[in-house]
N, C-alpha and C. Protein backbone atom coordinates (compact mmCIF):
# COMPACT_ATOMS: atom_id res chain seq x y z
N MET A 1 -156.36 69.77 8.32
CA MET A 1 -155.53 69.56 7.14
C MET A 1 -156.23 70.19 5.94
N ASN A 2 -155.50 70.98 5.14
CA ASN A 2 -156.08 71.66 3.99
C ASN A 2 -156.16 70.73 2.81
N HIS A 3 -157.22 70.95 2.01
CA HIS A 3 -157.40 70.17 0.80
C HIS A 3 -156.43 70.66 -0.27
N GLN A 4 -155.67 69.74 -0.85
CA GLN A 4 -154.70 70.10 -1.88
C GLN A 4 -155.39 70.17 -3.23
N PRO A 5 -155.14 71.21 -4.01
CA PRO A 5 -155.74 71.30 -5.35
C PRO A 5 -155.32 70.10 -6.19
N GLY A 6 -156.28 69.60 -6.97
CA GLY A 6 -155.96 68.48 -7.86
C GLY A 6 -156.15 67.12 -7.23
N THR A 7 -156.39 67.06 -5.92
CA THR A 7 -156.64 65.76 -5.29
C THR A 7 -158.13 65.63 -5.04
N PRO A 8 -158.70 64.40 -5.25
CA PRO A 8 -160.14 64.22 -5.07
C PRO A 8 -160.52 64.35 -3.60
N ARG A 9 -161.65 64.98 -3.36
CA ARG A 9 -162.15 65.10 -1.99
C ARG A 9 -162.73 63.76 -1.57
N ARG A 10 -162.54 63.43 -0.29
CA ARG A 10 -163.12 62.20 0.26
C ARG A 10 -164.32 62.58 1.10
N SER A 11 -165.34 61.71 1.05
CA SER A 11 -166.50 61.95 1.90
C SER A 11 -166.09 61.67 3.34
N HIS A 12 -166.89 62.23 4.28
CA HIS A 12 -166.59 62.07 5.71
C HIS A 12 -166.48 60.59 6.05
N GLY A 13 -165.43 60.20 6.74
CA GLY A 13 -165.26 58.83 7.20
C GLY A 13 -164.61 57.90 6.18
N GLU A 14 -164.39 58.38 4.96
CA GLU A 14 -163.80 57.53 3.94
C GLU A 14 -162.28 57.54 4.09
N ALA A 15 -161.68 56.38 3.94
CA ALA A 15 -160.24 56.24 4.14
C ALA A 15 -159.46 56.82 2.96
N ALA A 16 -158.24 57.22 3.23
CA ALA A 16 -157.35 57.68 2.17
C ALA A 16 -157.07 56.51 1.24
N PRO A 17 -156.80 56.80 -0.04
CA PRO A 17 -156.51 55.72 -0.97
C PRO A 17 -155.38 54.82 -0.44
N GLY A 18 -155.63 53.53 -0.44
CA GLY A 18 -154.63 52.57 0.01
C GLY A 18 -154.66 52.28 1.50
N ALA A 19 -155.41 53.07 2.28
CA ALA A 19 -155.42 52.87 3.74
C ALA A 19 -156.08 51.56 4.12
N TRP A 20 -157.23 51.25 3.50
CA TRP A 20 -157.91 49.99 3.83
C TRP A 20 -157.08 48.79 3.38
N GLU A 21 -156.43 48.95 2.24
CA GLU A 21 -155.60 47.85 1.74
C GLU A 21 -154.44 47.58 2.71
N ALA A 22 -153.85 48.66 3.23
CA ALA A 22 -152.75 48.50 4.19
C ALA A 22 -153.25 47.85 5.48
N LEU A 23 -154.43 48.26 5.93
CA LEU A 23 -155.00 47.65 7.14
C LEU A 23 -155.29 46.17 6.92
N MET A 24 -155.83 45.82 5.73
CA MET A 24 -156.12 44.42 5.45
C MET A 24 -154.84 43.60 5.38
N ALA A 25 -153.81 44.15 4.76
CA ALA A 25 -152.53 43.44 4.68
C ALA A 25 -151.97 43.21 6.09
N ALA A 26 -152.08 44.22 6.94
CA ALA A 26 -151.61 44.06 8.33
C ALA A 26 -152.46 43.03 9.06
N ALA A 27 -153.76 43.04 8.82
CA ALA A 27 -154.66 42.07 9.45
C ALA A 27 -154.32 40.65 9.01
N GLN A 28 -153.98 40.49 7.74
CA GLN A 28 -153.61 39.17 7.25
C GLN A 28 -152.33 38.66 7.92
N CYS A 29 -151.51 39.60 8.39
CA CYS A 29 -150.27 39.22 9.09
C CYS A 29 -150.50 39.06 10.59
N GLY A 30 -151.76 39.17 11.02
CA GLY A 30 -152.07 38.93 12.43
C GLY A 30 -152.21 40.16 13.30
N ASP A 31 -152.24 41.35 12.71
CA ASP A 31 -152.37 42.58 13.48
C ASP A 31 -153.85 42.78 13.84
N ALA A 32 -154.22 42.43 15.06
CA ALA A 32 -155.61 42.50 15.51
C ALA A 32 -156.12 43.93 15.56
N ARG A 33 -155.26 44.87 15.94
CA ARG A 33 -155.70 46.28 16.02
C ARG A 33 -156.01 46.82 14.63
N ALA A 34 -155.18 46.47 13.66
CA ALA A 34 -155.43 46.92 12.29
C ALA A 34 -156.74 46.31 11.77
N TYR A 35 -156.97 45.06 12.11
CA TYR A 35 -158.18 44.38 11.67
C TYR A 35 -159.42 45.03 12.30
N ASP A 36 -159.35 45.32 13.58
CA ASP A 36 -160.46 45.96 14.28
C ASP A 36 -160.75 47.34 13.66
N ARG A 37 -159.70 48.08 13.39
CA ARG A 37 -159.86 49.41 12.79
C ARG A 37 -160.48 49.30 11.41
N LEU A 38 -160.01 48.34 10.62
CA LEU A 38 -160.55 48.14 9.28
C LEU A 38 -162.04 47.84 9.34
N LEU A 39 -162.45 46.92 10.20
CA LEU A 39 -163.86 46.56 10.30
C LEU A 39 -164.72 47.76 10.68
N ARG A 40 -164.21 48.59 11.58
CA ARG A 40 -164.97 49.78 11.98
C ARG A 40 -165.07 50.78 10.82
N GLU A 41 -164.00 50.92 10.08
CA GLU A 41 -163.97 51.90 8.99
C GLU A 41 -164.82 51.50 7.79
N ILE A 42 -164.97 50.21 7.55
CA ILE A 42 -165.74 49.78 6.37
C ILE A 42 -167.25 49.74 6.64
N LEU A 43 -167.66 49.86 7.89
CA LEU A 43 -169.09 49.79 8.21
C LEU A 43 -169.95 50.79 7.42
N PRO A 44 -169.57 52.08 7.33
CA PRO A 44 -170.41 53.01 6.55
C PRO A 44 -170.56 52.59 5.09
N LEU A 45 -169.50 52.08 4.48
CA LEU A 45 -169.59 51.61 3.10
C LEU A 45 -170.57 50.45 3.00
N LEU A 46 -170.44 49.47 3.88
CA LEU A 46 -171.31 48.29 3.83
C LEU A 46 -172.77 48.69 4.04
N ARG A 47 -173.01 49.58 4.99
CA ARG A 47 -174.39 50.03 5.22
C ARG A 47 -174.95 50.76 4.00
N ALA A 48 -174.13 51.56 3.36
CA ALA A 48 -174.58 52.28 2.16
C ALA A 48 -174.95 51.30 1.04
N VAL A 49 -174.12 50.29 0.84
CA VAL A 49 -174.40 49.28 -0.19
C VAL A 49 -175.68 48.54 0.15
N ALA A 50 -175.82 48.13 1.40
CA ALA A 50 -177.00 47.37 1.82
C ALA A 50 -178.27 48.21 1.73
N ARG A 51 -178.18 49.48 2.06
CA ARG A 51 -179.37 50.36 2.00
C ARG A 51 -179.86 50.56 0.56
N ARG A 52 -178.92 50.51 -0.39
CA ARG A 52 -179.33 50.64 -1.80
C ARG A 52 -180.12 49.42 -2.26
N ARG A 53 -179.85 48.27 -1.65
CA ARG A 53 -180.49 47.02 -2.09
C ARG A 53 -181.69 46.60 -1.25
N LEU A 54 -181.71 46.99 0.02
CA LEU A 54 -182.73 46.49 0.95
C LEU A 54 -183.53 47.64 1.55
N ASN A 55 -184.81 47.43 1.75
CA ASN A 55 -185.68 48.47 2.30
C ASN A 55 -185.80 48.40 3.81
N ASN A 56 -185.79 47.21 4.35
CA ASN A 56 -186.02 47.00 5.77
C ASN A 56 -184.72 47.25 6.55
N PRO A 57 -184.73 48.17 7.53
CA PRO A 57 -183.51 48.44 8.30
C PRO A 57 -182.94 47.20 8.99
N ALA A 58 -183.82 46.30 9.44
CA ALA A 58 -183.34 45.07 10.08
C ALA A 58 -182.60 44.21 9.06
N ASP A 59 -183.11 44.15 7.82
CA ASP A 59 -182.44 43.39 6.77
C ASP A 59 -181.09 44.01 6.43
N VAL A 60 -181.04 45.34 6.44
CA VAL A 60 -179.78 46.04 6.17
C VAL A 60 -178.73 45.61 7.19
N GLU A 61 -179.11 45.64 8.47
CA GLU A 61 -178.15 45.27 9.53
C GLU A 61 -177.76 43.79 9.44
N GLU A 62 -178.73 42.93 9.11
CA GLU A 62 -178.42 41.51 8.95
C GLU A 62 -177.42 41.31 7.80
N ALA A 63 -177.65 42.01 6.69
CA ALA A 63 -176.75 41.88 5.54
C ALA A 63 -175.36 42.40 5.89
N VAL A 64 -175.28 43.50 6.63
CA VAL A 64 -173.98 44.04 7.05
C VAL A 64 -173.26 43.04 7.95
N GLN A 65 -173.98 42.47 8.91
CA GLN A 65 -173.36 41.48 9.81
C GLN A 65 -172.91 40.25 9.03
N ASP A 66 -173.74 39.80 8.07
CA ASP A 66 -173.35 38.65 7.24
C ASP A 66 -172.11 38.98 6.41
N THR A 67 -172.04 40.23 5.94
CA THR A 67 -170.87 40.66 5.16
C THR A 67 -169.61 40.64 6.02
N LEU A 68 -169.72 41.17 7.23
CA LEU A 68 -168.56 41.17 8.13
C LEU A 68 -168.09 39.75 8.42
N LEU A 69 -169.04 38.85 8.61
CA LEU A 69 -168.69 37.45 8.86
C LEU A 69 -168.00 36.85 7.64
N THR A 70 -168.52 37.15 6.45
CA THR A 70 -167.90 36.64 5.22
C THR A 70 -166.50 37.21 5.04
N VAL A 71 -166.35 38.51 5.29
CA VAL A 71 -165.02 39.13 5.20
C VAL A 71 -164.06 38.42 6.15
N HIS A 72 -164.53 38.15 7.35
CA HIS A 72 -163.68 37.45 8.33
C HIS A 72 -163.28 36.07 7.82
N GLN A 73 -164.26 35.35 7.26
CA GLN A 73 -163.98 33.99 6.78
C GLN A 73 -163.09 33.98 5.53
N LEU A 74 -163.18 35.05 4.71
CA LEU A 74 -162.45 35.06 3.44
C LEU A 74 -161.25 36.01 3.43
N ARG A 75 -160.92 36.59 4.56
CA ARG A 75 -159.86 37.60 4.56
C ARG A 75 -158.54 37.07 4.03
N HIS A 76 -158.30 35.78 4.20
CA HIS A 76 -157.05 35.19 3.70
C HIS A 76 -157.01 35.14 2.17
N THR A 77 -158.19 35.27 1.51
CA THR A 77 -158.22 35.18 0.05
C THR A 77 -157.99 36.54 -0.62
N TYR A 78 -158.05 37.61 0.17
CA TYR A 78 -157.79 38.93 -0.40
C TYR A 78 -156.34 39.00 -0.85
N GLU A 79 -156.12 39.51 -2.07
CA GLU A 79 -154.77 39.62 -2.61
C GLU A 79 -154.24 41.04 -2.36
N PRO A 80 -153.23 41.17 -1.51
CA PRO A 80 -152.66 42.50 -1.25
C PRO A 80 -152.26 43.18 -2.56
N GLY A 81 -152.48 44.47 -2.60
CA GLY A 81 -152.17 45.23 -3.81
C GLY A 81 -153.41 45.49 -4.66
N ARG A 82 -154.44 44.67 -4.48
CA ARG A 82 -155.69 44.90 -5.21
C ARG A 82 -156.57 45.84 -4.41
N ALA A 83 -157.43 46.55 -5.09
CA ALA A 83 -158.35 47.48 -4.41
C ALA A 83 -159.30 46.69 -3.51
N LEU A 84 -159.43 47.12 -2.28
CA LEU A 84 -160.27 46.42 -1.31
C LEU A 84 -161.74 46.79 -1.45
N ARG A 85 -161.99 48.04 -1.76
CA ARG A 85 -163.38 48.53 -1.82
C ARG A 85 -164.26 47.69 -2.75
N PRO A 86 -163.86 47.42 -4.01
CA PRO A 86 -164.72 46.60 -4.89
C PRO A 86 -164.92 45.19 -4.34
N TRP A 87 -163.90 44.64 -3.72
CA TRP A 87 -163.99 43.29 -3.11
C TRP A 87 -165.07 43.30 -2.03
N LEU A 88 -165.05 44.32 -1.19
CA LEU A 88 -166.05 44.45 -0.11
C LEU A 88 -167.45 44.66 -0.68
N GLN A 89 -167.55 45.50 -1.72
CA GLN A 89 -168.85 45.78 -2.30
C GLN A 89 -169.48 44.52 -2.91
N VAL A 90 -168.68 43.72 -3.57
CA VAL A 90 -169.18 42.48 -4.17
C VAL A 90 -169.69 41.54 -3.08
N ILE A 91 -168.92 41.40 -2.02
CA ILE A 91 -169.34 40.54 -0.92
C ILE A 91 -170.66 41.05 -0.33
N CYS A 92 -170.75 42.34 -0.10
CA CYS A 92 -171.96 42.91 0.49
C CYS A 92 -173.15 42.74 -0.46
N GLU A 93 -172.95 42.96 -1.74
CA GLU A 93 -174.04 42.77 -2.72
C GLU A 93 -174.55 41.33 -2.66
N ARG A 94 -173.64 40.38 -2.56
CA ARG A 94 -174.05 38.97 -2.52
C ARG A 94 -174.82 38.66 -1.23
N ARG A 95 -174.39 39.23 -0.12
CA ARG A 95 -175.11 39.01 1.14
C ARG A 95 -176.49 39.65 1.09
N CYS A 96 -176.62 40.78 0.38
CA CYS A 96 -177.93 41.40 0.21
C CYS A 96 -178.85 40.51 -0.62
N VAL A 97 -178.30 39.94 -1.69
CA VAL A 97 -179.09 39.01 -2.51
C VAL A 97 -179.51 37.81 -1.67
N ASP A 98 -178.60 37.30 -0.85
CA ASP A 98 -178.95 36.18 0.05
C ASP A 98 -180.10 36.58 0.97
N ARG A 99 -180.03 37.80 1.48
CA ARG A 99 -181.07 38.28 2.41
C ARG A 99 -182.42 38.40 1.69
N ILE A 100 -182.41 38.89 0.45
CA ILE A 100 -183.64 39.00 -0.33
C ILE A 100 -184.22 37.61 -0.57
N ARG A 101 -183.38 36.67 -0.94
CA ARG A 101 -183.85 35.30 -1.15
C ARG A 101 -184.41 34.70 0.14
N TRP A 102 -183.72 34.93 1.25
CA TRP A 102 -184.20 34.43 2.54
C TRP A 102 -185.57 35.02 2.85
N ARG A 103 -185.71 36.33 2.62
CA ARG A 103 -186.98 37.01 2.90
C ARG A 103 -188.10 36.40 2.05
N HIS A 104 -187.85 36.12 0.77
CA HIS A 104 -188.87 35.54 -0.09
C HIS A 104 -189.23 34.13 0.35
N ARG A 105 -188.23 33.34 0.75
CA ARG A 105 -188.51 31.97 1.21
C ARG A 105 -189.36 31.96 2.46
N HIS A 106 -189.11 32.92 3.36
CA HIS A 106 -189.80 32.92 4.64
C HIS A 106 -191.07 33.78 4.65
N ALA A 107 -191.34 34.48 3.57
CA ALA A 107 -192.52 35.36 3.52
C ALA A 107 -193.80 34.55 3.71
N ARG A 108 -193.83 33.34 3.17
CA ARG A 108 -195.05 32.54 3.29
C ARG A 108 -195.29 32.08 4.73
N ASP A 109 -194.22 32.05 5.55
CA ASP A 109 -194.37 31.64 6.94
C ASP A 109 -194.67 32.81 7.87
N GLU A 110 -194.52 34.03 7.36
CA GLU A 110 -194.74 35.20 8.22
C GLU A 110 -196.22 35.36 8.51
N LEU A 111 -196.52 35.75 9.71
CA LEU A 111 -197.90 36.03 10.10
C LEU A 111 -198.07 37.53 10.21
N PRO A 112 -199.23 38.04 9.83
CA PRO A 112 -199.48 39.45 10.14
C PRO A 112 -199.40 39.62 11.65
N ILE A 113 -198.97 40.79 12.10
CA ILE A 113 -198.79 41.02 13.53
C ILE A 113 -200.05 40.70 14.31
N SER A 114 -201.21 41.11 13.80
CA SER A 114 -202.45 40.88 14.54
C SER A 114 -202.70 39.39 14.75
N GLU A 115 -202.45 38.56 13.73
CA GLU A 115 -202.66 37.12 13.88
C GLU A 115 -201.67 36.54 14.87
N ALA A 116 -200.42 36.98 14.80
CA ALA A 116 -199.42 36.44 15.72
C ALA A 116 -199.75 36.82 17.16
N GLU A 117 -200.21 38.07 17.35
CA GLU A 117 -200.56 38.49 18.70
C GLU A 117 -201.74 37.69 19.21
N GLU A 118 -202.69 37.35 18.30
CA GLU A 118 -203.81 36.52 18.71
C GLU A 118 -203.33 35.16 19.18
N CYS A 119 -202.34 34.60 18.47
CA CYS A 119 -201.82 33.29 18.86
C CYS A 119 -201.21 33.34 20.25
N ILE A 120 -200.51 34.43 20.52
CA ILE A 120 -199.87 34.55 21.82
C ILE A 120 -200.92 34.77 22.90
N ALA A 121 -201.92 35.59 22.58
CA ALA A 121 -202.93 35.92 23.58
C ALA A 121 -203.98 34.83 23.70
N ALA A 122 -204.21 34.06 22.63
CA ALA A 122 -205.28 33.06 22.66
C ALA A 122 -204.95 31.96 23.66
N PRO A 123 -205.93 31.50 24.40
CA PRO A 123 -205.67 30.42 25.34
C PRO A 123 -205.32 29.15 24.59
N ALA A 124 -204.30 28.49 25.05
CA ALA A 124 -203.88 27.25 24.40
C ALA A 124 -204.64 26.07 24.98
N THR A 125 -205.53 26.30 25.89
CA THR A 125 -206.31 25.21 26.50
C THR A 125 -207.77 25.55 26.43
N ARG A 126 -208.60 24.56 26.61
CA ARG A 126 -210.03 24.78 26.68
C ARG A 126 -210.39 25.39 28.01
N ASP A 127 -211.37 26.28 28.00
CA ASP A 127 -211.71 27.01 29.21
C ASP A 127 -212.43 26.16 30.24
N ASN A 128 -213.31 25.32 29.82
CA ASN A 128 -214.13 24.58 30.77
C ASN A 128 -214.24 23.11 30.38
N GLY A 129 -214.73 22.32 31.30
CA GLY A 129 -215.03 20.93 31.00
C GLY A 129 -213.95 20.00 31.44
N PRO A 130 -214.23 18.70 31.31
CA PRO A 130 -213.30 17.70 31.80
C PRO A 130 -211.98 17.68 31.05
N GLY A 131 -211.95 18.26 29.83
CA GLY A 131 -210.70 18.24 29.07
C GLY A 131 -209.78 19.39 29.40
N GLN A 132 -210.13 20.21 30.39
CA GLN A 132 -209.31 21.38 30.72
C GLN A 132 -207.90 20.93 31.13
N VAL A 133 -206.91 21.60 30.60
CA VAL A 133 -205.53 21.27 30.91
C VAL A 133 -205.03 22.28 31.94
N MET A 134 -204.49 21.81 33.03
CA MET A 134 -203.99 22.69 34.07
C MET A 134 -202.55 23.09 33.76
N GLY A 135 -202.04 24.08 34.50
CA GLY A 135 -200.71 24.63 34.26
C GLY A 135 -199.61 23.60 34.18
N ALA A 136 -199.55 22.67 35.12
CA ALA A 136 -198.46 21.68 35.14
C ALA A 136 -198.55 20.78 33.92
N GLU A 137 -199.79 20.40 33.55
CA GLU A 137 -199.95 19.54 32.38
C GLU A 137 -199.55 20.30 31.11
N LEU A 138 -199.95 21.56 31.07
CA LEU A 138 -199.60 22.37 29.90
C LEU A 138 -198.09 22.52 29.78
N ARG A 139 -197.43 22.76 30.90
CA ARG A 139 -195.96 22.87 30.86
C ARG A 139 -195.33 21.59 30.35
N SER A 140 -195.89 20.41 30.78
CA SER A 140 -195.29 19.17 30.29
C SER A 140 -195.54 18.97 28.81
N LEU A 141 -196.71 19.43 28.31
CA LEU A 141 -196.95 19.35 26.87
C LEU A 141 -196.01 20.28 26.11
N VAL A 142 -195.82 21.48 26.62
CA VAL A 142 -194.91 22.44 25.98
C VAL A 142 -193.49 21.88 25.95
N ALA A 143 -193.10 21.16 26.99
CA ALA A 143 -191.73 20.60 27.07
C ALA A 143 -191.47 19.59 25.95
N THR A 144 -192.52 19.04 25.34
CA THR A 144 -192.32 18.06 24.27
C THR A 144 -192.23 18.70 22.89
N LEU A 145 -192.44 20.02 22.82
CA LEU A 145 -192.40 20.71 21.53
C LEU A 145 -190.96 20.88 21.04
N PRO A 146 -190.78 21.11 19.73
CA PRO A 146 -189.44 21.44 19.23
C PRO A 146 -188.89 22.68 19.95
N ALA A 147 -187.59 22.79 20.01
CA ALA A 147 -186.93 23.82 20.82
C ALA A 147 -187.44 25.24 20.56
N ALA A 148 -187.55 25.64 19.31
CA ALA A 148 -187.96 27.02 19.02
C ALA A 148 -189.37 27.29 19.53
N GLN A 149 -190.28 26.33 19.33
CA GLN A 149 -191.66 26.49 19.80
C GLN A 149 -191.71 26.52 21.32
N ARG A 150 -190.95 25.64 21.94
CA ARG A 150 -190.90 25.56 23.40
C ARG A 150 -190.39 26.87 23.99
N ILE A 151 -189.32 27.39 23.43
CA ILE A 151 -188.74 28.65 23.93
C ILE A 151 -189.72 29.79 23.73
N ALA A 152 -190.32 29.88 22.54
CA ALA A 152 -191.25 30.97 22.24
C ALA A 152 -192.43 30.97 23.19
N LEU A 153 -193.03 29.80 23.41
CA LEU A 153 -194.20 29.72 24.30
C LEU A 153 -193.81 29.95 25.76
N THR A 154 -192.68 29.42 26.17
CA THR A 154 -192.25 29.61 27.56
C THR A 154 -192.03 31.08 27.86
N LEU A 155 -191.35 31.78 26.96
CA LEU A 155 -191.05 33.19 27.21
C LEU A 155 -192.28 34.08 27.10
N THR A 156 -193.14 33.81 26.11
CA THR A 156 -194.28 34.71 25.89
C THR A 156 -195.50 34.35 26.72
N ARG A 157 -195.69 33.06 27.02
CA ARG A 157 -196.89 32.65 27.76
C ARG A 157 -196.63 32.48 29.25
N PHE A 158 -195.61 31.70 29.58
CA PHE A 158 -195.37 31.42 31.00
C PHE A 158 -194.66 32.57 31.70
N GLU A 159 -193.64 33.13 31.04
CA GLU A 159 -192.92 34.25 31.66
C GLU A 159 -193.53 35.60 31.30
N GLU A 160 -194.50 35.59 30.36
CA GLU A 160 -195.25 36.77 29.96
C GLU A 160 -194.36 37.94 29.53
N LEU A 161 -193.29 37.62 28.79
CA LEU A 161 -192.42 38.67 28.26
C LEU A 161 -193.02 39.23 26.98
N SER A 162 -192.71 40.48 26.69
CA SER A 162 -193.11 41.04 25.40
C SER A 162 -192.28 40.36 24.32
N LEU A 163 -192.73 40.52 23.08
CA LEU A 163 -191.97 39.92 21.97
C LEU A 163 -190.56 40.49 21.91
N ALA A 164 -190.42 41.79 22.15
CA ALA A 164 -189.09 42.41 22.11
C ALA A 164 -188.20 41.83 23.20
N GLU A 165 -188.73 41.67 24.42
CA GLU A 165 -187.95 41.11 25.52
C GLU A 165 -187.60 39.65 25.24
N ALA A 166 -188.58 38.90 24.73
CA ALA A 166 -188.34 37.49 24.41
C ALA A 166 -187.29 37.36 23.32
N SER A 167 -187.31 38.28 22.37
CA SER A 167 -186.31 38.28 21.30
C SER A 167 -184.92 38.51 21.86
N ARG A 168 -184.79 39.50 22.74
CA ARG A 168 -183.47 39.76 23.35
C ARG A 168 -182.99 38.57 24.16
N ARG A 169 -183.89 37.97 24.92
CA ARG A 169 -183.51 36.85 25.78
C ARG A 169 -183.13 35.61 24.98
N SER A 170 -183.90 35.32 23.92
CA SER A 170 -183.70 34.07 23.18
C SER A 170 -182.69 34.18 22.05
N GLY A 171 -182.50 35.40 21.53
CA GLY A 171 -181.64 35.56 20.36
C GLY A 171 -182.39 35.35 19.06
N PHE A 172 -183.70 34.99 19.12
CA PHE A 172 -184.52 34.84 17.93
C PHE A 172 -185.05 36.21 17.52
N SER A 173 -185.29 36.39 16.24
CA SER A 173 -185.93 37.63 15.80
C SER A 173 -187.39 37.61 16.24
N VAL A 174 -188.01 38.78 16.29
CA VAL A 174 -189.42 38.86 16.66
C VAL A 174 -190.26 38.03 15.69
N GLY A 175 -189.95 38.12 14.39
CA GLY A 175 -190.69 37.34 13.40
C GLY A 175 -190.59 35.85 13.64
N SER A 176 -189.38 35.38 13.97
CA SER A 176 -189.19 33.96 14.26
C SER A 176 -189.98 33.53 15.48
N LEU A 177 -189.99 34.39 16.50
CA LEU A 177 -190.77 34.08 17.71
C LEU A 177 -192.25 33.98 17.41
N LYS A 178 -192.76 34.89 16.58
CA LYS A 178 -194.18 34.86 16.23
C LYS A 178 -194.53 33.55 15.53
N ILE A 179 -193.68 33.18 14.59
CA ILE A 179 -193.93 31.94 13.84
C ILE A 179 -193.85 30.73 14.77
N ALA A 180 -192.82 30.69 15.62
CA ALA A 180 -192.66 29.55 16.54
C ALA A 180 -193.82 29.47 17.51
N CYS A 181 -194.29 30.62 17.98
CA CYS A 181 -195.42 30.64 18.90
C CYS A 181 -196.67 30.12 18.20
N TRP A 182 -196.92 30.62 17.00
CA TRP A 182 -198.10 30.18 16.25
C TRP A 182 -198.05 28.68 16.01
N ARG A 183 -196.89 28.18 15.60
CA ARG A 183 -196.77 26.74 15.35
C ARG A 183 -196.91 25.94 16.64
N GLY A 184 -196.36 26.46 17.73
CA GLY A 184 -196.47 25.77 19.01
C GLY A 184 -197.91 25.68 19.48
N VAL A 185 -198.65 26.79 19.37
CA VAL A 185 -200.06 26.79 19.78
C VAL A 185 -200.85 25.82 18.90
N ARG A 186 -200.57 25.83 17.61
CA ARG A 186 -201.27 24.93 16.68
C ARG A 186 -200.99 23.48 17.04
N THR A 187 -199.72 23.15 17.32
CA THR A 187 -199.36 21.79 17.70
C THR A 187 -200.04 21.37 18.99
N LEU A 188 -200.05 22.27 19.99
CA LEU A 188 -200.70 21.96 21.26
C LEU A 188 -202.19 21.70 21.06
N ARG A 189 -202.83 22.52 20.25
CA ARG A 189 -204.27 22.33 20.01
C ARG A 189 -204.54 20.99 19.35
N GLN A 190 -203.69 20.63 18.37
CA GLN A 190 -203.87 19.34 17.70
C GLN A 190 -203.72 18.19 18.69
N ARG A 191 -202.70 18.29 19.55
CA ARG A 191 -202.49 17.22 20.52
C ARG A 191 -203.64 17.13 21.52
N LEU A 192 -204.16 18.28 21.93
CA LEU A 192 -205.28 18.28 22.88
C LEU A 192 -206.54 17.70 22.22
N GLU A 193 -206.75 18.03 20.95
CA GLU A 193 -207.90 17.47 20.26
C GLU A 193 -207.79 15.98 20.11
N GLN A 194 -206.59 15.49 19.83
CA GLN A 194 -206.39 14.04 19.70
C GLN A 194 -206.59 13.33 21.03
N ALA A 195 -206.20 13.99 22.12
CA ALA A 195 -206.31 13.37 23.45
C ALA A 195 -207.77 13.37 23.96
N ALA A 196 -208.61 14.25 23.39
CA ALA A 196 -209.99 14.37 23.89
C ALA A 196 -210.83 13.16 23.50
């Protein structure tokens, strides 16, 4: 299709004026195909907005996913006839701010990779002596831990999965697994010391 003089050029993948609004209106009326198409088409915009606000690629994807979820939850509030792009951008900006706040709140709980790997690699039991905890006893102690700690230790210690594999299996982020593992090892050590 030839570009008509006097009409603004669109960047690759950008919808024609009014196309997203029409798709959203159809989606509000229950058209699942229009809704699916809309979600696919807005992804480049959402990623561009998130990349301007966030440095970490994982945070960018989290913010985009949070934005899609918010759009899904609020799609009934969109007023047909209004421009959709600014509505989407505002939602994405807010999800980016949420992600930044989340990152700041959890930064104090993050472990440097080397420390987290030490926690995973460090023996959770004493090597020698009458207080040595055997595998079955250790498993029963791990079973009493909070769910996240139990899952992290089971996958990384007993099943000996890498953090990436454990993350895929559990649905937890690698950072969450590191924290849960560190806390689980700390809790086990405290309980073993108290029992000695």
